[in-house]
Amino acid sequence: MTWGQGREYAGDAPPAAGPEPVRAGSTTSGRSRLRSWLLAGVIAVGFGLAAVVLAVYYGGTLGLVTTLLALVLAAIPLGIVIPTFLWLDRFEAEPTRYLVTAFLWGALVAALVAGVFNTGANVAFQAATGREDDALLATAVFSAPLVEEASKGLLVLLIWWFRRREFDGIIDGMVYAGVVAAGFAFTENIQYLGMAYSDGGDSALTGTFIARCLFTPFAHPMFTVLTGIGIGIAATTRNRWLKVLAPVGGYLLAALSHAVWNLAAITGGAGMLSVYLVVEVPIFIGFVALVVWARRREGRLIGRHLSEYADAGWLSPSEVQMLSTMSGRRSARLWARTSGGRAMLRSMRRFQDSASELALLRARMHHSAADARALETERELLQAITASRREFLGAY
């Protein structure tokens, strides 16, 4: 199969003439919009109900003032965690509405589900052992990791399953998993901070804030990212067994690492600082290295697959080099902004985004993991790249 700029694919028959395009398109578009609005309504109602339940629970157990204080403090780590995953997502940014949905899922749905199941597990363990301390340990090590990682990872799985065109691979899995986990940790921190303040006052609140919000803000994202990687692998393979085993394996690794972390935290006692330095800091360093590697890998992947389009004349070698590094992309956006203002900058951003989508689509096609509309999507992205280039060069 060969192609050239502005021409149809050689060997591909042109699409057959269909029914009257405007009428059919209008009907399909109208139904699609109706489904989108209905789905959005169902999601909004679900999130709203979960928010009401959590608000009533926290208000009843902690009190309004304590809940608001804990909420403000719990929001501080988000200023570190969320930008990290947005940085990871810079090559091919996910739709904002999906990222917001992921955060709300973690903060509301996953937190509520985990709270219900963990409470039930704690009651069951306490009834079986007769000791509260043993029940808390069993809940933290066995119930919490399995339930929480499942409730967080489910959203990543749903996005891949129902919105495959928006799910390109490992990076997307990591980003969605990290944002979901950030939302979950936010709600969980409200509970722990509020309980610390209610039980021990300012000193207990300060200690809990330092331990959870400053020392370990990436704890939940580090675990759930493993599930996201597994789902990302499934999204880019045609092996049916791997499509099943990779997400399951990622989930089990997430639950295992979560259990080890909880066990170390609970049994550390007076030696908690040693546990933090020996266990938790190395895990965090490994997480940072994984994030940096994943982003560099995506840049190389984009450069490799866009080179195929440069060989066919759709892109120039200098454009491929620019698109495969964040420094090159920043320089191009700066040039566009200084040369043509906001309009030219928007065209450059569209050019870069479309090129990233095209490269990652090509990667899935290379592994036979793309959907049935891959060729059509490829043509649309090539047209979008050409149109965006024409806009910012015309403005220049």
Protein backbone atom coordinates (compact mmCIF):
# COMPACT_ATOMS: atom_id res chain seq x y z
CA MET A 1 0.00 0.00 0.00
CA THR A 2 1.44 3.38 -1.01
CA TRP A 3 0.22 6.90 -0.70
CA GLY A 4 1.20 10.41 -1.59
CA GLN A 5 0.21 13.81 -0.31
CA GLY A 6 -3.24 14.77 -1.45
CA ARG A 7 -3.95 11.43 -3.19
CA GLU A 8 -6.06 8.41 -2.34
CA TYR A 9 -4.29 5.22 -1.27
CA ALA A 10 -3.07 3.16 -4.20
CA GLY A 11 -4.91 -0.11 -4.41
CA ASP A 12 -7.83 1.08 -2.30
CA ALA A 13 -11.16 1.28 -4.06
CA PRO A 14 -13.03 4.54 -3.52
CA PRO A 15 -15.93 4.29 -1.11
CA ALA A 16 -19.19 3.27 -2.66
CA ALA A 17 -21.85 5.90 -3.00
CA GLY A 18 -24.25 5.78 -0.09
CA PRO A 19 -27.59 7.38 0.66
CA GLU A 20 -28.09 11.09 0.55
CA PRO A 21 -25.20 12.28 2.74
CA VAL A 22 -26.70 15.31 4.44
CA ARG A 23 -29.87 13.60 5.58
CA ALA A 24 -28.11 10.41 6.72
CA GLY A 25 -25.40 12.41 8.43
CA SER A 26 -27.94 14.58 10.20
CA THR A 27 -29.88 11.57 11.49
CA THR A 28 -26.74 9.79 12.66
CA SER A 29 -25.35 12.95 14.22
CA GLY A 30 -28.62 13.66 15.99
CA ARG A 31 -28.79 10.18 17.47
CA SER A 32 -25.15 10.35 18.48
CA ARG A 33 -25.71 13.67 20.25
CA LEU A 34 -28.77 12.28 22.01
CA ARG A 35 -26.80 9.27 23.24
CA SER A 36 -23.98 11.54 24.38
CA TRP A 37 -26.36 13.77 26.34
CA LEU A 38 -28.09 10.77 27.92
CA LEU A 39 -24.76 9.24 28.90
CA ALA A 40 -23.55 12.55 30.30
CA GLY A 41 -26.76 12.85 32.30
CA VAL A 42 -26.41 9.35 33.75
CA ILE A 43 -22.78 10.03 34.68
CA ALA A 44 -23.64 13.36 36.27
CA VAL A 45 -26.44 11.83 38.33
CA GLY A 46 -24.18 8.99 39.45
CA PHE A 47 -21.41 11.35 40.50
CA GLY A 48 -23.93 13.60 42.21
CA LEU A 49 -25.41 10.76 44.26
CA ALA A 50 -21.95 9.56 45.29
CA ALA A 51 -20.98 13.10 46.29
CA VAL A 52 -24.12 13.47 48.43
CA VAL A 53 -23.49 10.17 50.21
CA LEU A 54 -19.86 11.06 50.96
CA ALA A 55 -20.79 14.58 52.07
CA VAL A 56 -23.43 13.27 54.46
CA TYR A 57 -21.02 10.66 55.84
CA TYR A 58 -18.14 13.09 56.41
CA GLY A 59 -20.44 15.77 57.76
CA GLY A 60 -21.99 13.31 60.20
CA THR A 61 -18.75 11.72 61.42
CA LEU A 62 -16.32 14.64 61.28
CA GLY A 63 -18.49 17.74 61.37
CA LEU A 64 -18.72 20.50 58.79
CA VAL A 65 -15.77 22.62 59.95
CA THR A 66 -13.39 19.66 60.27
CA THR A 67 -14.47 18.31 56.89
CA LEU A 68 -13.83 21.64 55.17
CA LEU A 69 -10.43 21.98 56.85
CA ALA A 70 -9.47 18.45 55.78
CA LEU A 71 -10.76 19.10 52.25
CA VAL A 72 -8.53 22.17 51.85
CA LEU A 73 -5.45 20.32 53.10
CA ALA A 74 -6.23 17.24 50.99
CA ALA A 75 -6.34 19.41 47.87
CA ILE A 76 -2.72 20.57 48.31
CA PRO A 77 -1.07 17.36 47.01
CA LEU A 78 -3.17 17.61 43.86
CA GLY A 79 -1.00 20.57 42.88
CA ILE A 80 1.91 18.13 42.66
CA VAL A 81 0.31 14.93 41.42
CA ILE A 82 -2.03 16.18 38.68
CA PRO A 83 0.61 18.33 36.90
CA THR A 84 2.95 15.32 36.88
CA PHE A 85 0.49 13.25 34.87
CA LEU A 86 -0.36 16.19 32.62
CA TRP A 87 3.37 16.50 31.94
CA LEU A 88 3.46 12.81 31.06
CA ASP A 89 0.49 13.39 28.72
CA ARG A 90 2.04 16.26 26.76
CA PHE A 91 2.84 14.41 23.52
CA GLU A 92 -0.78 13.41 22.89
CA ALA A 93 -3.06 15.06 25.43
CA GLU A 94 -6.21 13.22 26.44
CA PRO A 95 -9.56 15.01 26.20
CA THR A 96 -10.14 17.19 29.24
CA ARG A 97 -13.63 15.78 29.79
CA TYR A 98 -12.18 12.28 30.12
CA LEU A 99 -9.55 13.41 32.60
CA VAL A 100 -12.19 15.22 34.68
CA THR A 101 -14.37 12.11 34.58
CA ALA A 102 -11.40 10.00 35.70
CA PHE A 103 -10.71 12.29 38.66
CA LEU A 104 -14.35 12.36 39.73
CA TRP A 105 -14.61 8.59 39.40
CA GLY A 106 -11.68 8.17 41.76
CA ALA A 107 -12.82 10.84 44.21
CA LEU A 108 -16.48 9.79 44.32
CA VAL A 109 -17.34 6.37 42.91
CA ALA A 110 -14.16 4.44 43.70
CA ALA A 111 -13.86 6.02 47.14
CA LEU A 112 -17.47 5.22 48.00
CA VAL A 113 -17.27 1.62 46.75
CA ALA A 114 -13.99 1.02 48.58
CA GLY A 115 -15.37 2.55 51.77
CA VAL A 116 -18.40 0.26 51.77
CA PHE A 117 -16.44 -2.92 51.02
CA ASN A 118 -13.57 -2.14 53.39
CA THR A 119 -15.98 -1.37 56.21
CA GLY A 120 -17.75 -4.65 55.63
CA ALA A 121 -14.44 -6.52 55.50
CA ASN A 122 -13.30 -4.91 58.74
CA VAL A 123 -16.51 -5.98 60.49
CA ALA A 124 -16.10 -9.52 59.17
CA PHE A 125 -12.44 -9.75 60.21
CA GLN A 126 -13.24 -8.38 63.66
CA ALA A 127 -16.03 -10.90 64.12
CA ALA A 128 -13.68 -13.71 63.08
CA THR A 129 -10.67 -12.68 65.16
CA GLY A 130 -12.31 -10.85 68.04
CA ARG A 131 -9.50 -8.28 68.01
CA GLU A 132 -9.79 -4.82 66.51
CA ASP A 133 -6.06 -4.46 65.76
CA ASP A 134 -5.93 -7.73 63.86
CA ALA A 135 -9.04 -6.77 61.91
CA LEU A 136 -7.53 -3.41 60.92
CA LEU A 137 -4.30 -5.10 59.80
CA ALA A 138 -6.18 -7.72 57.76
CA THR A 139 -8.34 -5.04 56.14
CA ALA A 140 -5.33 -2.89 55.24
CA VAL A 141 -3.27 -5.76 53.82
CA PHE A 142 -5.92 -7.97 52.19
CA SER A 143 -9.20 -6.14 51.58
CA ALA A 144 -8.08 -2.57 50.85
CA PRO A 145 -5.50 -3.36 48.13
CA LEU A 146 -7.82 -5.70 46.22
CA VAL A 147 -10.95 -3.55 46.49
CA GLU A 148 -9.35 -0.16 45.98
CA GLU A 149 -7.20 -1.14 43.03
CA ALA A 150 -10.20 -2.81 41.39
CA SER A 151 -12.46 0.20 41.89
CA LYS A 152 -9.82 2.59 40.54
CA GLY A 153 -8.68 0.40 37.65
CA LEU A 154 -12.24 -0.25 36.47
CA LEU A 155 -12.52 3.25 35.02
CA VAL A 156 -9.32 2.80 32.99
CA LEU A 157 -10.67 -0.47 31.69
CA LEU A 158 -13.99 1.13 30.72
CA ILE A 159 -12.28 3.95 28.82
CA TRP A 160 -10.21 1.46 26.85
CA TRP A 161 -13.20 -0.77 26.15
CA PHE A 162 -15.70 1.90 25.09
CA ARG A 163 -13.43 4.70 23.83
CA ARG A 164 -10.64 2.83 22.10
CA ARG A 165 -9.94 5.65 19.67
CA GLU A 166 -8.95 7.78 22.68
CA PHE A 167 -6.73 5.08 24.17
CA ASP A 168 -3.38 4.77 22.41
CA GLY A 169 -1.30 2.63 24.73
CA ILE A 170 0.82 2.58 27.86
CA ILE A 171 1.05 6.34 28.38
CA ASP A 172 -2.73 6.75 28.21
CA GLY A 173 -3.16 3.89 30.67
CA MET A 174 -0.70 5.51 33.08
CA VAL A 175 -2.31 8.94 32.78
CA TYR A 176 -5.88 7.79 33.35
CA ALA A 177 -4.78 5.51 36.19
CA GLY A 178 -2.80 8.29 37.82
CA VAL A 179 -5.63 10.82 37.63
CA VAL A 180 -8.17 8.31 38.98
CA ALA A 181 -5.82 7.47 41.85
CA ALA A 182 -5.24 11.16 42.57
CA GLY A 183 -8.99 11.63 42.97
CA PHE A 184 -9.21 8.58 45.22
CA ALA A 185 -6.32 9.75 47.41
CA PHE A 186 -7.94 13.20 47.69
CA THR A 187 -11.13 11.77 49.20
CA GLU A 188 -9.25 9.28 51.37
CA ASN A 189 -7.03 12.06 52.72
CA ILE A 190 -10.11 14.03 53.75
CA GLN A 191 -11.09 11.13 55.99
CA TYR A 192 -7.64 10.56 57.49
CA LEU A 193 -6.93 14.25 58.04
CA GLY A 194 -10.37 14.82 59.55
CA MET A 195 -10.04 11.84 61.89
CA ALA A 196 -6.55 12.96 62.96
CA TYR A 197 -7.80 16.44 63.81
CA SER A 198 -10.85 15.12 65.66
CA ASP A 199 -8.81 12.64 67.71
CA GLY A 200 -5.53 14.48 68.29
CA GLY A 201 -5.95 18.13 67.41
CA ASP A 202 -3.38 20.25 65.59
CA SER A 203 -0.36 18.04 66.28
CA ALA A 204 -2.03 14.90 64.94
CA LEU A 205 -3.35 16.81 61.93
CA THR A 206 0.13 18.17 61.16
CA GLY A 207 1.74 14.74 61.42
CA THR A 208 -0.87 13.14 59.19
CA PHE A 209 -0.60 15.94 56.64
CA ILE A 210 3.18 15.59 56.46
CA ALA A 211 3.04 11.79 56.20
CA ARG A 212 0.24 11.48 53.66
CA CYS A 213 0.25 14.73 51.69
CA LEU A 214 3.93 15.69 51.62
CA PHE A 215 5.92 12.47 52.04
CA THR A 216 3.69 10.08 50.08
CA PRO A 217 1.41 12.02 47.71
CA PHE A 218 2.12 9.56 44.88
CA ALA A 219 1.31 6.39 46.83
CA HIS A 220 -2.04 5.60 45.22
CA PRO A 221 -0.98 6.70 41.71
CA MET A 222 2.11 4.47 41.90
CA PHE A 223 -0.05 1.42 42.54
CA THR A 224 -2.81 2.09 40.04
CA VAL A 225 -0.35 3.01 37.28
CA LEU A 226 0.59 -0.68 37.16
CA THR A 227 -3.00 -1.51 36.23
CA GLY A 228 -2.91 1.25 33.63
CA ILE A 229 0.26 -0.18 32.10
CA GLY A 230 -1.38 -3.59 31.84
CA ILE A 231 -4.40 -2.12 30.09
CA GLY A 232 -2.11 -0.06 27.85
CA ILE A 233 -0.31 -3.23 26.77
CA ALA A 234 -3.67 -4.86 26.01
CA ALA A 235 -4.59 -1.86 23.86
CA THR A 236 -1.54 -2.29 21.63
CA THR A 237 -1.41 -6.06 21.12
CA ARG A 238 -3.33 -8.43 18.88
CA ASN A 239 -2.57 -11.42 21.10
CA ARG A 240 -5.87 -12.44 22.68
CA TRP A 241 -4.24 -14.03 25.70
CA LEU A 242 -2.12 -10.95 26.35
CA LYS A 243 -5.21 -8.73 26.09
CA VAL A 244 -6.56 -10.60 29.12
CA LEU A 245 -3.39 -11.44 31.03
CA ALA A 246 -1.79 -7.97 30.84
CA PRO A 247 -4.64 -6.10 32.61
CA VAL A 248 -5.06 -8.91 35.16
CA GLY A 249 -1.32 -9.00 35.79
CA GLY A 250 -1.15 -5.23 36.14
CA TYR A 251 -4.02 -5.28 38.62
CA LEU A 252 -2.44 -8.05 40.70
CA LEU A 253 0.89 -6.20 40.80
CA ALA A 254 -0.93 -3.02 41.83
CA ALA A 255 -2.74 -4.84 44.63
CA LEU A 256 0.47 -6.57 45.76
CA SER A 257 2.51 -3.36 45.87
CA HIS A 258 -0.37 -1.65 47.69
CA ALA A 259 -0.48 -4.48 50.26
CA VAL A 260 3.30 -4.34 50.83
CA TRP A 261 3.13 -0.57 51.25
CA ASN A 262 0.29 -0.82 53.79
CA LEU A 263 2.01 -3.61 55.68
CA ALA A 264 5.23 -1.62 55.92
CA ALA A 265 3.35 1.47 57.08
CA ILE A 266 1.36 -0.35 59.76
CA THR A 267 4.15 -2.52 61.16
CA GLY A 268 6.78 0.22 60.97
CA GLY A 269 5.76 1.76 64.27
CA ALA A 270 8.62 3.69 65.82
CA GLY A 271 10.82 2.71 62.89
CA MET A 272 8.49 4.32 60.35
CA LEU A 273 11.24 6.65 59.13
CA SER A 274 13.46 3.65 58.37
CA VAL A 275 10.59 1.95 56.55
CA TYR A 276 10.01 5.13 54.56
CA LEU A 277 13.68 5.38 53.53
CA VAL A 278 14.25 1.68 52.87
CA VAL A 279 10.92 0.71 51.26
CA GLU A 280 8.88 3.69 50.15
CA VAL A 281 11.59 6.01 48.80
CA PRO A 282 13.07 3.33 46.47
CA ILE A 283 9.58 2.51 45.19
CA PHE A 284 9.00 6.20 44.48
CA ILE A 285 12.36 6.52 42.68
CA GLY A 286 11.40 3.54 40.55
CA PHE A 287 8.07 5.19 39.79
CA VAL A 288 9.75 8.43 38.69
CA ALA A 289 12.16 6.50 36.48
CA LEU A 290 9.21 4.66 34.92
CA VAL A 291 7.38 7.91 34.17
CA VAL A 292 10.44 9.50 32.55
CA TRP A 293 11.16 6.35 30.52
CA ALA A 294 7.56 6.12 29.34
CA ARG A 295 7.53 9.70 28.10
CA ARG A 296 10.84 9.33 26.26
CA ARG A 297 9.63 6.07 24.77
CA GLU A 298 6.52 7.77 23.40
CA GLY A 299 8.66 10.48 21.81
CA ARG A 300 10.80 7.86 20.08
CA LEU A 301 7.68 5.97 19.01
CA ILE A 302 6.20 9.13 17.49
CA GLY A 303 9.40 9.89 15.63
CA ARG A 304 9.71 6.34 14.27
CA HIS A 305 6.19 6.09 12.90
CA LEU A 306 6.01 9.66 11.58
CA SER A 307 9.16 8.93 9.57
CA GLU A 308 7.02 6.67 7.40
CA TYR A 309 4.84 9.64 6.49
CA ALA A 310 7.91 11.79 5.87
CA ASP A 311 9.13 9.17 3.39
CA ALA A 312 5.75 9.44 1.63
CA GLY A 313 5.86 13.25 1.49
CA TRP A 314 3.25 14.12 4.10
CA LEU A 315 5.82 15.54 6.53
CA SER A 316 9.33 16.91 6.22
CA PRO A 317 12.25 15.36 8.15
CA SER A 318 12.59 18.57 10.18
CA GLU A 319 8.91 18.36 11.16
CA VAL A 320 9.38 14.77 12.32
CA GLN A 321 12.37 15.81 14.41
CA MET A 322 10.39 18.66 15.94
CA LEU A 323 7.38 16.47 16.70
CA SER A 324 9.38 13.72 18.39
CA THR A 325 10.81 15.88 21.20
CA MET A 326 9.13 18.18 23.70
CA SER A 327 11.88 20.76 23.32
CA GLY A 328 11.23 20.87 19.58
CA ARG A 329 7.49 21.20 20.14
CA ARG A 330 7.98 24.05 22.60
CA SER A 331 10.26 25.88 20.17
CA ALA A 332 7.70 25.48 17.39
CA ARG A 333 4.88 26.80 19.58
CA LEU A 334 7.04 29.75 20.64
CA TRP A 335 7.80 30.51 17.01
CA ALA A 336 4.11 30.30 16.12
CA ARG A 337 3.11 32.57 19.01
CA THR A 338 5.69 35.25 18.25
CA SER A 339 5.12 35.07 14.50
CA GLY A 340 1.34 34.99 14.28
CA GLY A 341 -0.22 35.37 17.70
CA ARG A 342 -2.81 33.11 19.30
CA ALA A 343 -4.46 32.01 16.05
CA MET A 344 -1.17 30.72 14.66
CA LEU A 345 -0.37 29.08 18.00
CA ARG A 346 -3.70 27.23 17.91
CA SER A 347 -2.92 25.96 14.41
CA MET A 348 0.49 24.75 15.55
CA ARG A 349 -1.05 22.95 18.53
CA ARG A 350 -3.59 21.25 16.25
CA PHE A 351 -0.77 20.26 13.90
CA GLN A 352 1.21 18.71 16.77
CA ASP A 353 -1.77 16.98 18.34
CA SER A 354 -2.93 15.50 15.02
CA ALA A 355 0.58 14.28 14.25
CA SER A 356 0.84 12.57 17.64
CA GLU A 357 -2.51 10.86 17.15
CA LEU A 358 -1.44 9.78 13.68
CA ALA A 359 1.83 8.27 14.93
CA LEU A 360 0.15 6.35 17.74
CA LEU A 361 -2.57 5.16 15.40
CA ARG A 362 0.13 3.94 13.03
CA ALA A 363 1.76 2.10 15.92
CA ARG A 364 -1.50 0.28 16.66
CA MET A 365 -1.93 -0.51 12.97
CA HIS A 366 1.59 -1.90 12.92
CA HIS A 367 0.62 -4.32 15.70
CA SER A 368 -2.78 -5.06 14.11
CA ALA A 369 -4.44 -3.58 17.20
CA ALA A 370 -6.30 -0.72 15.50
CA ASP A 371 -10.07 -0.66 15.04
CA ALA A 372 -11.98 -1.12 11.78
CA ARG A 373 -12.00 2.65 11.10
CA ALA A 374 -8.22 2.96 11.25
CA LEU A 375 -7.71 3.79 7.57
CA GLU A 376 -10.49 6.35 7.62
CA THR A 377 -9.08 7.91 10.79
CA GLU A 378 -5.63 7.96 9.22
CA ARG A 379 -6.93 9.90 6.23
CA GLU A 380 -8.76 12.36 8.51
CA LEU A 381 -5.62 13.00 10.54
CA LEU A 382 -3.49 13.49 7.43
CA GLN A 383 -6.02 16.02 6.16
CA ALA A 384 -6.02 17.76 9.57
CA ILE A 385 -2.22 17.98 9.53
CA THR A 386 -2.23 19.44 6.04
CA ALA A 387 -4.94 21.97 6.92
CA SER A 388 -3.20 23.06 10.14
CA ARG A 389 0.13 23.48 8.35
CA ARG A 390 -1.57 25.57 5.69
CA GLU A 391 -3.10 27.78 8.40
CA PHE A 392 0.07 28.59 10.32
CA LEU A 393 2.23 28.93 7.20
CA GLY A 394 -0.42 31.12 5.59
CA ALA A 395 -0.55 33.31 8.70
CA TYR A 396 3.24 33.55 8.60
